[in-house]
Amino acid sequence: MKVEILGSSGCSTCEGLKEDVRNLVQEMGKENEIEIVKVEDPAKVASYGVMSTPALVVDGEVKYKGKVPSDEEIREALS
């Protein structure tokens, strides 16, 4: 599974989401199954139709945008 965190460089909220996802992946014991990537290229972010970051993309599907999802919402998106 590939998880992408969409956001700009230096965005503390985006970095926070990345850390939340990383922590939950570790909690779930799925470090070997889930790849986490931070996407900062504006063209790539726009290609997903995202205008407000942060955004959480799982296997190419935008799950959340413009907000930091709760831990429960992240777990649901990863299952």
C-alpha atoms as a PDB file:
ATOM      1  CA  MET A   1       0.000   0.000   0.000  1.00  0.00           C
ATOM      2  CA  LYS A   2       1.246   3.486  -0.824  1.00  0.00           C
ATOM      3  CA  VAL A   3       0.228   6.425   1.358  1.00  0.00           C
ATOM      4  CA  GLU A   4       0.949   9.932   0.146  1.00  0.00           C
ATOM      5  CA  ILE A   5       0.835  13.033   2.310  1.00  0.00           C
ATOM      6  CA  LEU A   6       0.233  16.049   0.079  1.00  0.00           C
ATOM      7  CA  GLY A   7       1.536  19.388   1.280  1.00  0.00           C
ATOM      8  CA  SER A   8       4.056  22.133   0.791  1.00  0.00           C
ATOM      9  CA  SER A   9       7.585  22.213   2.091  1.00  0.00           C
ATOM     10  CA  GLY A  10       7.721  23.652   5.586  1.00  0.00           C
ATOM     11  CA  CYS A  11       4.024  23.059   6.300  1.00  0.00           C
ATOM     12  CA  SER A  12       3.946  22.037   9.969  1.00  0.00           C
ATOM     13  CA  THR A  13       0.400  20.668   9.699  1.00  0.00           C
ATOM     14  CA  CYS A  14       1.438  18.459   6.772  1.00  0.00           C
ATOM     15  CA  GLU A  15       4.492  17.210   8.662  1.00  0.00           C
ATOM     16  CA  GLY A  16       2.250  16.504  11.658  1.00  0.00           C
ATOM     17  CA  LEU A  17      -0.048  14.369   9.492  1.00  0.00           C
ATOM     18  CA  LYS A  18       2.961  12.466   8.168  1.00  0.00           C
ATOM     19  CA  GLU A  19       4.103  11.753  11.731  1.00  0.00           C
ATOM     20  CA  ASP A  20       0.574  10.688  12.758  1.00  0.00           C
ATOM     21  CA  VAL A  21       0.417   8.259   9.830  1.00  0.00           C
ATOM     22  CA  ARG A  22       3.923   6.917  10.557  1.00  0.00           C
ATOM     23  CA  ASN A  23       3.034   6.347  14.228  1.00  0.00           C
ATOM     24  CA  LEU A  24      -0.219   4.563  13.398  1.00  0.00           C
ATOM     25  CA  VAL A  25       1.484   2.365  10.794  1.00  0.00           C
ATOM     26  CA  GLN A  26       4.003   1.340  13.460  1.00  0.00           C
ATOM     27  CA  GLU A  27       1.209   0.710  15.984  1.00  0.00           C
ATOM     28  CA  MET A  28      -0.520  -1.492  13.431  1.00  0.00           C
ATOM     29  CA  GLY A  29       2.730  -3.390  12.768  1.00  0.00           C
ATOM     30  CA  LYS A  30       2.514  -2.666   9.032  1.00  0.00           C
ATOM     31  CA  GLU A  31       5.847  -0.892   8.448  1.00  0.00           C
ATOM     32  CA  ASN A  32       6.775  -3.477   5.807  1.00  0.00           C
ATOM     33  CA  GLU A  33       3.413  -3.241   4.024  1.00  0.00           C
ATOM     34  CA  ILE A  34       2.801   0.511   3.865  1.00  0.00           C
ATOM     35  CA  GLU A  35       5.051   3.021   2.094  1.00  0.00           C
ATOM     36  CA  ILE A  36       4.666   6.633   3.269  1.00  0.00           C
ATOM     37  CA  VAL A  37       5.650   9.408   0.856  1.00  0.00           C
ATOM     38  CA  LYS A  38       5.473  13.191   1.296  1.00  0.00           C
ATOM     39  CA  VAL A  39       4.473  14.914  -1.951  1.00  0.00           C
ATOM     40  CA  GLU A  40       5.452  18.577  -2.181  1.00  0.00           C
ATOM     41  CA  ASP A  41       5.365  19.129  -5.961  1.00  0.00           C
ATOM     42  CA  PRO A  42       2.474  21.566  -6.613  1.00  0.00           C
ATOM     43  CA  ALA A  43       1.726  20.001 -10.007  1.00  0.00           C
ATOM     44  CA  LYS A  44       1.445  16.526  -8.468  1.00  0.00           C
ATOM     45  CA  VAL A  45      -0.744  17.853  -5.631  1.00  0.00           C
ATOM     46  CA  ALA A  46      -2.985  19.600  -8.181  1.00  0.00           C
ATOM     47  CA  SER A  47      -3.192  16.407 -10.272  1.00  0.00           C
ATOM     48  CA  TYR A  48      -5.218  14.906  -7.414  1.00  0.00           C
ATOM     49  CA  GLY A  49      -7.635  17.853  -7.509  1.00  0.00           C
ATOM     50  CA  VAL A  50      -6.435  19.011  -4.101  1.00  0.00           C
ATOM     51  CA  MET A  51      -6.431  22.761  -3.511  1.00  0.00           C
ATOM     52  CA  SER A  52      -6.190  22.724   0.282  1.00  0.00           C
ATOM     53  CA  THR A  53      -3.565  20.762   2.176  1.00  0.00           C
ATOM     54  CA  PRO A  54      -2.778  18.629   3.994  1.00  0.00           C
ATOM     55  CA  ALA A  55      -4.280  15.721   2.117  1.00  0.00           C
ATOM     56  CA  LEU A  56      -4.099  11.987   2.680  1.00  0.00           C
ATOM     57  CA  VAL A  57      -3.982   9.764  -0.414  1.00  0.00           C
ATOM     58  CA  VAL A  58      -4.112   5.965  -0.184  1.00  0.00           C
ATOM     59  CA  ASP A  59      -3.243   3.953  -3.297  1.00  0.00           C
ATOM     60  CA  GLY A  60      -4.053   6.924  -5.533  1.00  0.00           C
ATOM     61  CA  GLU A  61      -7.396   7.764  -3.889  1.00  0.00           C
ATOM     62  CA  VAL A  62      -7.808  11.008  -1.958  1.00  0.00           C
ATOM     63  CA  LYS A  63      -9.240  10.087   1.435  1.00  0.00           C
ATOM     64  CA  TYR A  64      -9.014  13.448   3.234  1.00  0.00           C
ATOM     65  CA  LYS A  65      -8.083  16.951   2.107  1.00  0.00           C
ATOM     66  CA  GLY A  66      -7.860  20.319   3.787  1.00  0.00           C
ATOM     67  CA  LYS A  67      -7.830  18.850   7.282  1.00  0.00           C
ATOM     68  CA  VAL A  68      -5.899  16.559   9.582  1.00  0.00           C
ATOM     69  CA  PRO A  69      -7.952  13.401  10.008  1.00  0.00           C
ATOM     70  CA  SER A  70      -8.302  11.841  13.451  1.00  0.00           C
ATOM     71  CA  ASP A  71      -6.319   8.740  14.351  1.00  0.00           C
ATOM     72  CA  GLU A  72      -9.492   6.684  13.898  1.00  0.00           C
ATOM     73  CA  GLU A  73     -10.084   8.160  10.421  1.00  0.00           C
ATOM     74  CA  ILE A  74      -6.479   7.401   9.448  1.00  0.00           C
ATOM     75  CA  ARG A  75      -6.781   3.802  10.717  1.00  0.00           C
ATOM     76  CA  GLU A  76      -9.978   3.379   8.685  1.00  0.00           C
ATOM     77  CA  ALA A  77      -8.289   4.760   5.547  1.00  0.00           C
ATOM     78  CA  LEU A  78      -5.394   2.323   6.008  1.00  0.00           C
ATOM     79  CA  SER A  79      -7.516  -0.774   6.534  1.00  0.00           C
END
